[in-house]
PDB file of N, CA and C in Angstrom:
ATOM      1  N   UNK A   1      21.444  -8.039  -5.422  1.00  0.00           N
ATOM      2  CA  UNK A   1      21.177  -9.345  -4.866  1.00  0.00           C
ATOM      3  C   UNK A   1      19.738  -9.389  -4.364  1.00  0.00           C
ATOM      4  N   UNK A   2      18.966 -10.342  -4.837  1.00  0.00           N
ATOM      5  CA  UNK A   2      17.562 -10.485  -4.437  1.00  0.00           C
ATOM      6  C   UNK A   2      17.454 -11.606  -3.407  1.00  0.00           C
ATOM      7  N   UNK A   3      16.911 -11.278  -2.243  1.00  0.00           N
ATOM      8  CA  UNK A   3      16.752 -12.261  -1.182  1.00  0.00           C
ATOM      9  C   UNK A   3      15.298 -12.695  -1.069  1.00  0.00           C
ATOM     10  N   UNK A   4      15.092 -13.924  -0.658  1.00  0.00           N
ATOM     11  CA  UNK A   4      13.736 -14.401  -0.403  1.00  0.00           C
ATOM     12  C   UNK A   4      13.242 -13.799   0.909  1.00  0.00           C
ATOM     13  N   UNK A   5      11.936 -13.859   1.123  1.00  0.00           N
ATOM     14  CA  UNK A   5      11.365 -13.366   2.371  1.00  0.00           C
ATOM     15  C   UNK A   5      11.987 -14.094   3.566  1.00  0.00           C
ATOM     16  N   UNK A   6      12.165 -15.394   3.444  1.00  0.00           N
ATOM     17  CA  UNK A   6      12.776 -16.172   4.525  1.00  0.00           C
ATOM     18  C   UNK A   6      14.182 -15.656   4.834  1.00  0.00           C
ATOM     19  N   UNK A   7      14.954 -15.366   3.794  1.00  0.00           N
ATOM     20  CA  UNK A   7      16.307 -14.849   3.992  1.00  0.00           C
ATOM     21  C   UNK A   7      16.275 -13.451   4.625  1.00  0.00           C
ATOM     22  N   UNK A   8      15.313 -12.629   4.191  1.00  0.00           N
ATOM     23  CA  UNK A   8      15.185 -11.297   4.770  1.00  0.00           C
ATOM     24  C   UNK A   8      14.860 -11.379   6.257  1.00  0.00           C
ATOM     25  N   UNK A   9      13.930 -12.261   6.626  1.00  0.00           N
ATOM     26  CA  UNK A   9      13.563 -12.399   8.029  1.00  0.00           C
ATOM     27  C   UNK A   9      14.724 -12.935   8.860  1.00  0.00           C
ATOM     28  N   UNK A  10      15.557 -13.781   8.286  1.00  0.00           N
ATOM     29  CA  UNK A  10      16.704 -14.258   9.046  1.00  0.00           C
ATOM     30  C   UNK A  10      17.663 -13.104   9.315  1.00  0.00           C
ATOM     31  N   UNK A  11      17.767 -12.178   8.377  1.00  0.00           N
ATOM     32  CA  UNK A  11      18.610 -11.003   8.591  1.00  0.00           C
ATOM     33  C   UNK A  11      18.045 -10.131   9.707  1.00  0.00           C
ATOM     34  N   UNK A  12      16.737 -10.040   9.776  1.00  0.00           N
ATOM     35  CA  UNK A  12      16.100  -9.284  10.848  1.00  0.00           C
ATOM     36  C   UNK A  12      16.418  -9.926  12.195  1.00  0.00           C
ATOM     37  N   UNK A  13      16.366 -11.244  12.245  1.00  0.00           N
ATOM     38  CA  UNK A  13      16.734 -11.960  13.467  1.00  0.00           C
ATOM     39  C   UNK A  13      18.179 -11.724  13.842  1.00  0.00           C
ATOM     40  N   UNK A  14      19.045 -11.685  12.848  1.00  0.00           N
ATOM     41  CA  UNK A  14      20.466 -11.427  13.098  1.00  0.00           C
ATOM     42  C   UNK A  14      20.673 -10.028  13.672  1.00  0.00           C
ATOM     43  N   UNK A  15      19.915  -9.059  13.175  1.00  0.00           N
ATOM     44  CA  UNK A  15      20.000  -7.704  13.707  1.00  0.00           C
ATOM     45  C   UNK A  15      19.621  -7.702  15.183  1.00  0.00           C
ATOM     46  N   UNK A  16      18.546  -8.418  15.521  1.00  0.00           N
ATOM     47  CA  UNK A  16      18.116  -8.502  16.910  1.00  0.00           C
ATOM     48  C   UNK A  16      19.141  -9.152  17.814  1.00  0.00           C
ATOM     49  N   UNK A  17      19.868 -10.115  17.288  1.00  0.00           N
ATOM     50  CA  UNK A  17      20.920 -10.768  18.080  1.00  0.00           C
ATOM     51  C   UNK A  17      22.072  -9.811  18.371  1.00  0.00           C
ATOM     52  N   UNK A  18      22.330  -8.891  17.449  1.00  0.00           N
ATOM     53  CA  UNK A  18      23.431  -7.946  17.613  1.00  0.00           C
ATOM     54  C   UNK A  18      23.062  -6.786  18.547  1.00  0.00           C
ATOM     55  N   UNK A  19      21.775  -6.505  18.651  1.00  0.00           N
ATOM     56  CA  UNK A  19      21.301  -5.403  19.508  1.00  0.00           C
ATOM     57  C   UNK A  19      19.986  -5.840  20.170  1.00  0.00           C
ATOM     58  N   UNK A  20      20.060  -6.775  21.116  1.00  0.00           N
ATOM     59  CA  UNK A  20      18.847  -7.362  21.674  1.00  0.00           C
ATOM     60  C   UNK A  20      17.951  -6.396  22.443  1.00  0.00           C
ATOM     61  N   UNK A  21      18.531  -5.488  23.216  1.00  0.00           N
ATOM     62  CA  UNK A  21      17.692  -4.563  23.983  1.00  0.00           C
ATOM     63  C   UNK A  21      16.888  -3.627  23.088  1.00  0.00           C
ATOM     64  N   UNK A  22      17.522  -2.959  22.129  1.00  0.00           N
ATOM     65  CA  UNK A  22      16.727  -2.101  21.242  1.00  0.00           C
ATOM     66  C   UNK A  22      15.689  -2.896  20.432  1.00  0.00           C
ATOM     67  N   UNK A  23      16.052  -4.096  19.999  1.00  0.00           N
ATOM     68  CA  UNK A  23      15.111  -4.909  19.230  1.00  0.00           C
ATOM     69  C   UNK A  23      13.908  -5.281  20.096  1.00  0.00           C
ATOM     70  N   UNK A  24      14.166  -5.674  21.322  1.00  0.00           N
ATOM     71  CA  UNK A  24      13.076  -6.029  22.233  1.00  0.00           C
ATOM     72  C   UNK A  24      12.169  -4.821  22.478  1.00  0.00           C
ATOM     73  N   UNK A  25      12.767  -3.654  22.687  1.00  0.00           N
ATOM     74  CA  UNK A  25      11.987  -2.435  22.909  1.00  0.00           C
ATOM     75  C   UNK A  25      11.163  -2.095  21.674  1.00  0.00           C
ATOM     76  N   UNK A  26      11.769  -2.228  20.496  1.00  0.00           N
ATOM     77  CA  UNK A  26      11.037  -1.959  19.255  1.00  0.00           C
ATOM     78  C   UNK A  26       9.861  -2.922  19.110  1.00  0.00           C
ATOM     79  N   UNK A  27      10.102  -4.202  19.353  1.00  0.00           N
ATOM     80  CA  UNK A  27       9.038  -5.195  19.209  1.00  0.00           C
ATOM     81  C   UNK A  27       7.898  -4.940  20.188  1.00  0.00           C
ATOM     82  N   UNK A  28       8.218  -4.543  21.406  1.00  0.00           N
ATOM     83  CA  UNK A  28       7.183  -4.236  22.398  1.00  0.00           C
ATOM     84  C   UNK A  28       6.383  -3.006  21.967  1.00  0.00           C
ATOM     85  N   UNK A  29       7.086  -1.963  21.520  1.00  0.00           N
ATOM     86  CA  UNK A  29       6.411  -0.756  21.025  1.00  0.00           C
ATOM     87  C   UNK A  29       5.490  -1.102  19.859  1.00  0.00           C
ATOM     88  N   UNK A  30       5.996  -1.871  18.912  1.00  0.00           N
ATOM     89  CA  UNK A  30       5.218  -2.260  17.739  1.00  0.00           C
ATOM     90  C   UNK A  30       3.963  -3.033  18.156  1.00  0.00           C
ATOM     91  N   UNK A  31       4.116  -3.946  19.093  1.00  0.00           N
ATOM     92  CA  UNK A  31       2.988  -4.745  19.567  1.00  0.00           C
ATOM     93  C   UNK A  31       1.905  -3.857  20.173  1.00  0.00           C
ATOM     94  N   UNK A  32       2.318  -2.941  21.030  1.00  0.00           N
ATOM     95  CA  UNK A  32       1.359  -2.047  21.690  1.00  0.00           C
ATOM     96  C   UNK A  32       0.689  -1.121  20.671  1.00  0.00           C
ATOM     97  N   UNK A  33       1.465  -0.582  19.750  1.00  0.00           N
ATOM     98  CA  UNK A  33       0.923   0.341  18.751  1.00  0.00           C
ATOM     99  C   UNK A  33      -0.121  -0.321  17.861  1.00  0.00           C
ATOM    100  N   UNK A  34       0.021  -1.626  17.625  1.00  0.00           N
ATOM    101  CA  UNK A  34      -0.865  -2.314  16.686  1.00  0.00           C
ATOM    102  C   UNK A  34      -2.055  -3.003  17.354  1.00  0.00           C
ATOM    103  N   UNK A  35      -2.156  -2.940  18.692  1.00  0.00           N
ATOM    104  CA  UNK A  35      -3.280  -3.563  19.387  1.00  0.00           C
ATOM    105  C   UNK A  35      -4.577  -2.812  19.111  1.00  0.00           C
ATOM    106  N   UNK A  36      -5.693  -3.512  19.335  1.00  0.00           N
ATOM    107  CA  UNK A  36      -6.993  -2.848  19.295  1.00  0.00           C
ATOM    108  C   UNK A  36      -6.976  -1.661  20.245  1.00  0.00           C
ATOM    109  N   UNK A  37      -7.548  -0.587  19.816  1.00  0.00           N
ATOM    110  CA  UNK A  37      -7.667   0.617  20.639  1.00  0.00           C
ATOM    111  C   UNK A  37      -8.788   1.443  20.047  1.00  0.00           C
ATOM    112  N   UNK A  38      -8.624   2.738  20.017  1.00  0.00           N
ATOM    113  CA  UNK A  38      -9.616   3.595  19.380  1.00  0.00           C
ATOM    114  C   UNK A  38      -9.766   3.193  17.905  1.00  0.00           C
ATOM    115  N   UNK A  39      -8.666   2.716  17.327  1.00  0.00           N
ATOM    116  CA  UNK A  39      -8.684   2.174  15.966  1.00  0.00           C
ATOM    117  C   UNK A  39      -8.547   0.662  16.096  1.00  0.00           C
ATOM    118  N   UNK A  40      -9.486  -0.098  15.525  1.00  0.00           N
ATOM    119  CA  UNK A  40      -9.376  -1.561  15.593  1.00  0.00           C
ATOM    120  C   UNK A  40      -8.112  -2.071  14.895  1.00  0.00           C
ATOM    121  N   UNK A  41      -7.599  -3.200  15.384  1.00  0.00           N
ATOM    122  CA  UNK A  41      -6.363  -3.782  14.845  1.00  0.00           C
ATOM    123  C   UNK A  41      -6.450  -3.998  13.332  1.00  0.00           C
ATOM    124  N   UNK A  42      -7.594  -4.420  12.830  1.00  0.00           N
ATOM    125  CA  UNK A  42      -7.731  -4.649  11.383  1.00  0.00           C
ATOM    126  C   UNK A  42      -7.442  -3.365  10.609  1.00  0.00           C
ATOM    127  N   UNK A  43      -7.975  -2.252  11.076  1.00  0.00           N
ATOM    128  CA  UNK A  43      -7.737  -0.978  10.382  1.00  0.00           C
ATOM    129  C   UNK A  43      -6.283  -0.543  10.524  1.00  0.00           C
ATOM    130  N   UNK A  44      -5.699  -0.793  11.704  1.00  0.00           N
ATOM    131  CA  UNK A  44      -4.286  -0.456  11.882  1.00  0.00           C
ATOM    132  C   UNK A  44      -3.423  -1.247  10.913  1.00  0.00           C
ATOM    133  N   UNK A  45      -3.766  -2.510  10.693  1.00  0.00           N
ATOM    134  CA  UNK A  45      -2.987  -3.333   9.761  1.00  0.00           C
ATOM    135  C   UNK A  45      -3.161  -2.842   8.325  1.00  0.00           C
ATOM    136  N   UNK A  46      -4.361  -2.399   7.970  1.00  0.00           N
ATOM    137  CA  UNK A  46      -4.566  -1.849   6.624  1.00  0.00           C
ATOM    138  C   UNK A  46      -3.806  -0.538   6.459  1.00  0.00           C
ATOM    139  N   UNK A  47      -3.783   0.284   7.512  1.00  0.00           N
ATOM    140  CA  UNK A  47      -2.988   1.512   7.476  1.00  0.00           C
ATOM    141  C   UNK A  47      -1.515   1.153   7.308  1.00  0.00           C
ATOM    142  N   UNK A  48      -1.057   0.195   8.111  1.00  0.00           N
ATOM    143  CA  UNK A  48       0.350  -0.226   8.038  1.00  0.00           C
ATOM    144  C   UNK A  48       0.686  -0.758   6.651  1.00  0.00           C
ATOM    145  N   UNK A  49      -0.225  -1.491   6.071  1.00  0.00           N
ATOM    146  CA  UNK A  49       0.002  -2.013   4.726  1.00  0.00           C
ATOM    147  C   UNK A  49       0.112  -0.866   3.726  1.00  0.00           C
ATOM    148  N   UNK A  50      -0.744   0.142   3.858  1.00  0.00           N
ATOM    149  CA  UNK A  50      -0.664   1.307   2.977  1.00  0.00           C
ATOM    150  C   UNK A  50       0.665   2.044   3.120  1.00  0.00           C
ATOM    151  N   UNK A  51       1.122   2.202   4.352  1.00  0.00           N
ATOM    152  CA  UNK A  51       2.408   2.848   4.587  1.00  0.00           C
ATOM    153  C   UNK A  51       3.527   2.003   3.988  1.00  0.00           C
ATOM    154  N   UNK A  52       3.449   0.696   4.199  1.00  0.00           N
ATOM    155  CA  UNK A  52       4.478  -0.204   3.655  1.00  0.00           C
ATOM    156  C   UNK A  52       4.520  -0.140   2.133  1.00  0.00           C
ATOM    157  N   UNK A  53       3.375   0.031   1.515  1.00  0.00           N
ATOM    158  CA  UNK A  53       3.349   0.154   0.054  1.00  0.00           C
ATOM    159  C   UNK A  53       4.040   1.434  -0.399  1.00  0.00           C
ATOM    160  N   UNK A  54       3.895   2.504   0.366  1.00  0.00           N
ATOM    161  CA  UNK A  54       4.541   3.754  -0.046  1.00  0.00           C
ATOM    162  C   UNK A  54       6.022   3.763   0.287  1.00  0.00           C
ATOM    163  N   UNK A  55       6.413   3.096   1.387  1.00  0.00           N
ATOM    164  CA  UNK A  55       7.842   3.039   1.724  1.00  0.00           C
ATOM    165  C   UNK A  55       8.545   1.889   1.018  1.00  0.00           C
ATOM    166  N   UNK A  56       7.773   0.974   0.480  1.00  0.00           N
ATOM    167  CA  UNK A  56       8.264  -0.192  -0.257  1.00  0.00           C
ATOM    168  C   UNK A  56       9.156  -1.081   0.609  1.00  0.00           C
ATOM    169  N   UNK A  57       8.746  -1.246   1.861  1.00  0.00           N
ATOM    170  CA  UNK A  57       9.472  -2.108   2.784  1.00  0.00           C
ATOM    171  C   UNK A  57       8.973  -3.542   2.619  1.00  0.00           C
ATOM    172  N   UNK A  58       9.806  -4.418   2.097  1.00  0.00           N
ATOM    173  CA  UNK A  58       9.370  -5.793   1.830  1.00  0.00           C
ATOM    174  C   UNK A  58       9.039  -6.549   3.107  1.00  0.00           C
ATOM    175  N   UNK A  59       9.744  -6.243   4.185  1.00  0.00           N
ATOM    176  CA  UNK A  59       9.411  -6.876   5.463  1.00  0.00           C
ATOM    177  C   UNK A  59       7.989  -6.482   5.865  1.00  0.00           C
ATOM    178  N   UNK A  60       7.745  -5.179   5.870  1.00  0.00           N
ATOM    179  CA  UNK A  60       6.450  -4.656   6.306  1.00  0.00           C
ATOM    180  C   UNK A  60       5.314  -5.145   5.414  1.00  0.00           C
ATOM    181  N   UNK A  61       5.555  -5.208   4.114  1.00  0.00           N
ATOM    182  CA  UNK A  61       4.517  -5.692   3.205  1.00  0.00           C
ATOM    183  C   UNK A  61       4.089  -7.104   3.581  1.00  0.00           C
ATOM    184  N   UNK A  62       5.048  -7.962   3.799  1.00  0.00           N
ATOM    185  CA  UNK A  62       4.727  -9.355   4.120  1.00  0.00           C
ATOM    186  C   UNK A  62       4.100  -9.474   5.502  1.00  0.00           C
ATOM    187  N   UNK A  63       4.697  -8.831   6.479  1.00  0.00           N
ATOM    188  CA  UNK A  63       4.185  -8.912   7.852  1.00  0.00           C
ATOM    189  C   UNK A  63       2.763  -8.373   7.937  1.00  0.00           C
ATOM    190  N   UNK A  64       2.536  -7.181   7.406  1.00  0.00           N
ATOM    191  CA  UNK A  64       1.236  -6.534   7.581  1.00  0.00           C
ATOM    192  C   UNK A  64       0.162  -7.112   6.665  1.00  0.00           C
ATOM    193  N   UNK A  65       0.562  -7.686   5.545  1.00  0.00           N
ATOM    194  CA  UNK A  65      -0.419  -8.414   4.735  1.00  0.00           C
ATOM    195  C   UNK A  65      -0.953  -9.595   5.534  1.00  0.00           C
ATOM    196  N   UNK A  66      -0.045 -10.372   6.092  1.00  0.00           N
ATOM    197  CA  UNK A  66      -0.460 -11.543   6.874  1.00  0.00           C
ATOM    198  C   UNK A  66      -1.276 -11.142   8.099  1.00  0.00           C
ATOM    199  N   UNK A  67      -0.841 -10.097   8.798  1.00  0.00           N
ATOM    200  CA  UNK A  67      -1.566  -9.654   9.989  1.00  0.00           C
ATOM    201  C   UNK A  67      -2.932  -9.061   9.626  1.00  0.00           C
ATOM    202  N   UNK A  68      -3.017  -8.364   8.503  1.00  0.00           N
ATOM    203  CA  UNK A  68      -4.301  -7.817   8.066  1.00  0.00           C
ATOM    204  C   UNK A  68      -5.284  -8.954   7.780  1.00  0.00           C
ATOM    205  N   UNK A  69      -4.807  -9.966   7.077  1.00  0.00           N
ATOM    206  CA  UNK A  69      -5.671 -11.115   6.788  1.00  0.00           C
ATOM    207  C   UNK A  69      -6.109 -11.803   8.077  1.00  0.00           C
ATOM    208  N   UNK A  70      -5.176 -11.990   8.999  1.00  0.00           N
ATOM    209  CA  UNK A  70      -5.489 -12.633  10.277  1.00  0.00           C
ATOM    210  C   UNK A  70      -6.494 -11.802  11.081  1.00  0.00           C
ATOM    211  N   UNK A  71      -6.424 -10.481  10.951  1.00  0.00           N
ATOM    212  CA  UNK A  71      -7.333  -9.584  11.668  1.00  0.00           C
ATOM    213  C   UNK A  71      -8.696  -9.484  10.986  1.00  0.00           C
ATOM    214  N   UNK A  72      -8.859 -10.172   9.854  1.00  0.00           N
ATOM    215  CA  UNK A  72     -10.154 -10.199   9.189  1.00  0.00           C
ATOM    216  C   UNK A  72     -10.279  -9.350   7.941  1.00  0.00           C
ATOM    217  N   UNK A  73      -9.184  -8.760   7.491  1.00  0.00           N
ATOM    218  CA  UNK A  73      -9.233  -7.972   6.258  1.00  0.00           C
ATOM    219  C   UNK A  73      -9.484  -8.892   5.074  1.00  0.00           C
ATOM    220  N   UNK A  74     -10.221  -8.379   4.125  1.00  0.00           N
ATOM    221  CA  UNK A  74     -10.496  -9.143   2.905  1.00  0.00           C
ATOM    222  C   UNK A  74      -9.509  -8.744   1.815  1.00  0.00           C
ATOM    223  N   UNK A  75      -9.447  -9.559   0.782  1.00  0.00           N
ATOM    224  CA  UNK A  75      -8.606  -9.228  -0.369  1.00  0.00           C
ATOM    225  C   UNK A  75      -9.073  -7.910  -0.998  1.00  0.00           C
ATOM    226  N   UNK A  76     -10.376  -7.651  -0.967  1.00  0.00           N
ATOM    227  CA  UNK A  76     -10.909  -6.407  -1.525  1.00  0.00           C
ATOM    228  C   UNK A  76     -10.436  -5.197  -0.705  1.00  0.00           C
ATOM    229  N   UNK A  77     -10.417  -5.344   0.622  1.00  0.00           N
ATOM    230  CA  UNK A  77      -9.939  -4.244   1.464  1.00  0.00           C
ATOM    231  C   UNK A  77      -8.451  -3.998   1.231  1.00  0.00           C
ATOM    232  N   UNK A  78      -7.689  -5.054   1.088  1.00  0.00           N
ATOM    233  CA  UNK A  78      -6.260  -4.911   0.808  1.00  0.00           C
ATOM    234  C   UNK A  78      -6.057  -4.256  -0.558  1.00  0.00           C
ATOM    235  N   UNK A  79      -6.863  -4.631  -1.541  1.00  0.00           N
ATOM    236  CA  UNK A  79      -6.766  -4.012  -2.867  1.00  0.00           C
ATOM    237  C   UNK A  79      -7.083  -2.518  -2.786  1.00  0.00           C
ATOM    238  N   UNK A  80      -8.126  -2.150  -2.037  1.00  0.00           N
ATOM    239  CA  UNK A  80      -8.461  -0.732  -1.904  1.00  0.00           C
ATOM    240  C   UNK A  80      -7.371   0.024  -1.157  1.00  0.00           C
ATOM    241  N   UNK A  81      -6.794  -0.592  -0.121  1.00  0.00           N
ATOM    242  CA  UNK A  81      -5.693   0.042   0.607  1.00  0.00           C
ATOM    243  C   UNK A  81      -4.527   0.312  -0.334  1.00  0.00           C
ATOM    244  N   UNK A  82      -4.308  -0.597  -1.286  1.00  0.00           N
ATOM    245  CA  UNK A  82      -3.250  -0.420  -2.280  1.00  0.00           C
ATOM    246  C   UNK A  82      -3.485   0.843  -3.087  1.00  0.00           C
ATOM    247  N   UNK A  83      -4.728   1.066  -3.505  1.00  0.00           N
ATOM    248  CA  UNK A  83      -5.018   2.246  -4.321  1.00  0.00           C
ATOM    249  C   UNK A  83      -5.049   3.532  -3.501  1.00  0.00           C
ATOM    250  N   UNK A  84      -5.397   3.445  -2.224  1.00  0.00           N
ATOM    251  CA  UNK A  84      -5.285   4.622  -1.353  1.00  0.00           C
ATOM    252  C   UNK A  84      -3.810   5.026  -1.260  1.00  0.00           C
ATOM    253  N   UNK A  85      -2.936   4.040  -1.041  1.00  0.00           N
ATOM    254  CA  UNK A  85      -1.498   4.323  -0.973  1.00  0.00           C
ATOM    255  C   UNK A  85      -1.000   4.909  -2.294  1.00  0.00           C
ATOM    256  N   UNK A  86      -1.468   4.356  -3.401  1.00  0.00           N
ATOM    257  CA  UNK A  86      -1.049   4.857  -4.716  1.00  0.00           C
ATOM    258  C   UNK A  86      -1.512   6.295  -4.926  1.00  0.00           C
ATOM    259  N   UNK A  87      -2.730   6.598  -4.498  1.00  0.00           N
ATOM    260  CA  UNK A  87      -3.257   7.956  -4.657  1.00  0.00           C
ATOM    261  C   UNK A  87      -2.448   8.954  -3.832  1.00  0.00           C
ATOM    262  N   UNK A  88      -2.102   8.570  -2.603  1.00  0.00           N
ATOM    263  CA  UNK A  88      -1.315   9.470  -1.765  1.00  0.00           C
ATOM    264  C   UNK A  88       0.089   9.671  -2.320  1.00  0.00           C
ATOM    265  N   UNK A  89       0.663   8.593  -2.807  1.00  0.00           N
ATOM    266  CA  UNK A  89       2.016   8.717  -3.369  1.00  0.00           C
ATOM    267  C   UNK A  89       1.995   9.597  -4.623  1.00  0.00           C
ATOM    268  N   UNK A  90       0.979   9.412  -5.448  1.00  0.00           N
ATOM    269  CA  UNK A  90       0.851  10.245  -6.651  1.00  0.00           C
ATOM    270  C   UNK A  90       0.585  11.694  -6.265  1.00  0.00           C
ATOM    271  N   UNK A  91      -0.245  11.887  -5.246  1.00  0.00           N
ATOM    272  CA  UNK A  91      -0.527  13.246  -4.776  1.00  0.00           C
ATOM    273  C   UNK A  91       0.731  13.939  -4.286  1.00  0.00           C
ATOM    274  N   UNK A  92       1.584  13.193  -3.605  1.00  0.00           N
ATOM    275  CA  UNK A  92       2.842  13.773  -3.129  1.00  0.00           C
ATOM    276  C   UNK A  92       3.719  14.206  -4.295  1.00  0.00           C
ATOM    277  N   UNK A  93       3.742  13.410  -5.354  1.00  0.00           N
ATOM    278  CA  UNK A  93       4.535  13.783  -6.535  1.00  0.00           C
ATOM    279  C   UNK A  93       3.995  15.074  -7.148  1.00  0.00           C
ATOM    280  N   UNK A  94       2.673  15.182  -7.232  1.00  0.00           N
ATOM    281  CA  UNK A  94       2.063  16.381  -7.807  1.00  0.00           C
ATOM    282  C   UNK A  94       2.358  17.600  -6.936  1.00  0.00           C
ATOM    283  N   UNK A  95       2.152  17.478  -5.618  1.00  0.00           N
ATOM    284  CA  UNK A  95       2.382  18.640  -4.768  1.00  0.00           C
ATOM    285  C   UNK A  95       3.867  19.018  -4.704  1.00  0.00           C
ATOM    286  N   UNK A  96       4.756  18.020  -4.736  1.00  0.00           N
ATOM    287  CA  UNK A  96       6.179  18.351  -4.771  1.00  0.00           C
ATOM    288  C   UNK A  96       6.562  18.972  -6.107  1.00  0.00           C
ATOM    289  N   UNK A  97       5.801  18.640  -7.135  1.00  0.00           N
ATOM    290  CA  UNK A  97       6.029  19.244  -8.444  1.00  0.00           C
ATOM    291  C   UNK A  97       5.841  20.748  -8.444  1.00  0.00           C
ATOM    292  N   UNK A  98       5.054  21.243  -7.473  1.00  0.00           N
ATOM    293  CA  UNK A  98       4.878  22.700  -7.399  1.00  0.00           C
ATOM    294  C   UNK A  98       6.181  23.415  -7.099  1.00  0.00           C
ATOM    295  N   UNK A  99       7.140  22.718  -6.528  1.00  0.00           N
ATOM    296  CA  UNK A  99       8.453  23.313  -6.244  1.00  0.00           C
ATOM    297  C   UNK A  99       9.305  23.452  -7.499  1.00  0.00           C
ATOM    298  N   UNK A 100       8.875  22.822  -8.586  1.00  0.00           N
ATOM    299  CA  UNK A 100       9.643  22.897  -9.824  1.00  0.00           C
ATOM    300  C   UNK A 100       9.114  23.944 -10.786  1.00  0.00           C
ATOM    301  N   UNK A 101       7.990  24.557 -10.421  1.00  0.00           N
ATOM    302  CA  UNK A 101       7.347  25.536 -11.307  1.00  0.00           C
ATOM    303  C   UNK A 101       7.513  26.941 -10.739  1.00  0.00           C
ATOM    304  N   UNK A 102       7.938  27.854 -11.602  1.00  0.00           N
ATOM    305  CA  UNK A 102       8.067  29.269 -11.160  1.00  0.00           C
ATOM    306  C   UNK A 102       6.786  30.011 -11.442  1.00  0.00           C
TER     307      UNK A 102
END
């Protein structure tokens, strides 16, 4: 079953309704983790987008794409983040492949 982004987000809201305290704590943690700090928010969003690409989380892809753009990321930066994620994922396949060779 393929859900639209809107349908996926409604499911996220439903999860929060079923467990409001943990959801609130998660949202607060997420907010603090993504604020400007030693790493600017724009870079944190590009990092998050790269992680989302490797975990293939559709929620995270949509959320962090929008937040990266809002934080000033360009389409070129998002494209490069995509290839950084691809390189790391490919590298993991290669290094895990060493476990298959005697």
